[in-house]
């Protein structure tokens, strides 16, 4: 999927991670560790989903390998798994979809003027 979603340009990855960690009530640093306790995996999954869907700059979407490297995951299939799982939750749970949409809007409003890079 493109880095553009409904006309919204890519969002800074640091902003996404910070907002999602705050929403989930976990430490930002926990999202980069291999923690599997409590809500950390789900919160990390939301961050993975958002970076894949909305990260980067226009024309430079984040790939699964790039998302995996960002979160220090062993390989890209974990990013693929979480993207699909969160995508199903967004599609099937309107309340959860509203949360993800709100997080995206909040990240976008904090990032007005941000120009991403393809690095």
Protein backbone atom coordinates (compact mmCIF):
# COMPACT_ATOMS: atom_id res chain seq x y z
CA UNK A 1 0.00 0.00 0.00
CA UNK A 2 1.13 3.54 -0.69
CA UNK A 3 2.38 5.94 1.96
CA UNK A 4 -0.63 8.07 1.11
CA UNK A 5 -3.96 7.18 2.67
CA UNK A 6 -7.08 9.15 1.86
CA UNK A 7 -4.90 12.02 0.69
CA UNK A 8 -2.84 12.14 3.87
CA UNK A 9 0.91 12.14 3.40
CA UNK A 10 3.32 9.98 5.36
CA UNK A 11 3.74 10.48 9.09
CA UNK A 12 7.03 10.75 10.97
CA UNK A 13 7.84 7.32 12.47
CA UNK A 14 9.01 8.75 15.79
CA UNK A 15 5.70 10.56 16.20
CA UNK A 16 3.77 7.38 15.41
CA UNK A 17 5.74 5.30 17.91
CA UNK A 18 5.44 7.90 20.67
CA UNK A 19 1.70 8.40 20.19
CA UNK A 20 0.93 4.69 20.02
CA UNK A 21 3.05 3.95 23.11
CA UNK A 22 1.27 6.71 25.01
CA UNK A 23 -2.15 5.43 23.87
CA UNK A 24 -1.24 1.89 24.91
CA UNK A 25 0.18 2.89 28.27
CA UNK A 26 3.58 1.34 27.61
CA UNK A 27 7.08 2.75 27.48
CA UNK A 28 8.20 3.80 24.03
CA UNK A 29 11.40 1.80 24.53
CA UNK A 30 9.36 -1.38 25.16
CA UNK A 31 8.18 -1.31 21.56
CA UNK A 32 11.77 -1.87 20.41
CA UNK A 33 12.47 -4.76 22.78
CA UNK A 34 11.34 -8.35 22.48
CA UNK A 35 8.86 -7.99 25.34
CA UNK A 36 5.76 -10.13 25.04
CA UNK A 37 4.17 -9.30 28.38
CA UNK A 38 0.93 -7.45 28.93
CA UNK A 39 -0.24 -5.15 26.20
CA UNK A 40 3.19 -4.50 24.65
CA UNK A 41 2.71 -6.87 21.67
CA UNK A 42 -0.65 -5.39 20.68
CA UNK A 43 0.61 -1.83 21.05
CA UNK A 44 3.71 -2.70 19.00
CA UNK A 45 1.36 -4.24 16.42
CA UNK A 46 -0.61 -1.00 16.13
CA UNK A 47 2.63 0.93 15.63
CA UNK A 48 3.73 -1.58 12.98
CA UNK A 49 0.38 -1.27 11.22
CA UNK A 50 0.51 2.51 11.25
CA UNK A 51 4.08 2.73 9.96
CA UNK A 52 3.34 0.32 7.13
CA UNK A 53 0.12 2.12 6.20
CA UNK A 54 1.03 5.75 6.81
CA UNK A 55 4.79 5.98 7.32
CA UNK A 56 7.33 7.45 4.97
CA UNK A 57 6.89 10.21 2.48
CA UNK A 58 4.66 10.17 -0.60
CA UNK A 59 5.89 7.53 -3.01
CA UNK A 60 8.13 5.88 -0.42
CA UNK A 61 5.99 3.50 1.58
CA UNK A 62 7.56 1.44 4.33
CA UNK A 63 8.19 -2.19 3.40
CA UNK A 64 7.81 -5.08 5.83
CA UNK A 65 11.60 -5.48 6.06
CA UNK A 66 12.00 -1.76 6.80
CA UNK A 67 9.32 -1.88 9.51
CA UNK A 68 10.97 -4.99 10.98
CA UNK A 69 14.37 -3.27 11.10
CA UNK A 70 12.83 -0.21 12.75
CA UNK A 71 11.45 -2.35 15.59
CA UNK A 72 14.51 -4.64 15.84
CA UNK A 73 12.45 -7.66 14.82
CA UNK A 74 14.18 -10.86 13.79
CA UNK A 75 12.58 -10.87 10.35
CA UNK A 76 9.90 -9.20 8.27
CA UNK A 77 7.26 -11.89 8.76
CA UNK A 78 6.51 -10.56 12.24
CA UNK A 79 5.72 -7.17 10.71
CA UNK A 80 3.56 -8.91 8.10
CA UNK A 81 1.71 -10.85 10.82
CA UNK A 82 0.93 -7.73 12.87
CA UNK A 83 -0.06 -5.68 9.85
CA UNK A 84 -2.57 -8.33 8.82
CA UNK A 85 -3.85 -8.88 12.38
CA UNK A 86 -4.37 -5.19 13.11
CA UNK A 87 -5.85 -4.73 9.64
CA UNK A 88 -8.47 -7.39 10.43
CA UNK A 89 -9.23 -5.70 13.75
CA UNK A 90 -9.63 -2.34 12.01
CA UNK A 91 -11.95 -3.92 9.42
CA UNK A 92 -14.07 -5.84 11.93
CA UNK A 93 -14.15 -3.66 15.03
CA UNK A 94 -15.49 -0.14 14.44
CA UNK A 95 -14.33 1.06 17.86
CA UNK A 96 -10.79 -0.10 17.21
CA UNK A 97 -10.86 1.44 13.72
CA UNK A 98 -11.86 4.75 15.32
CA UNK A 99 -8.88 4.54 17.69
CA UNK A 100 -6.43 3.95 14.83
CA UNK A 101 -8.00 6.76 12.80
CA UNK A 102 -7.71 9.09 15.79
CA UNK A 103 -4.07 8.15 16.32
CA UNK A 104 -3.35 8.79 12.65
CA UNK A 105 -5.03 12.21 12.78
CA UNK A 106 -3.18 13.16 15.95
CA UNK A 107 0.14 12.10 14.42
CA UNK A 108 -0.62 14.02 11.24
CA UNK A 109 -1.52 17.18 13.16
CA UNK A 110 1.75 16.98 15.11
CA UNK A 111 3.68 16.43 11.89
CA UNK A 112 2.32 19.25 9.76
CA UNK A 113 5.17 20.31 7.58
CA UNK A 114 7.20 17.13 8.17
CA UNK A 115 8.88 15.86 5.03
CA UNK A 116 9.86 12.22 5.28
CA UNK A 117 12.70 10.48 3.56
CA UNK A 118 13.01 7.12 1.90
CA UNK A 119 15.94 6.06 4.06
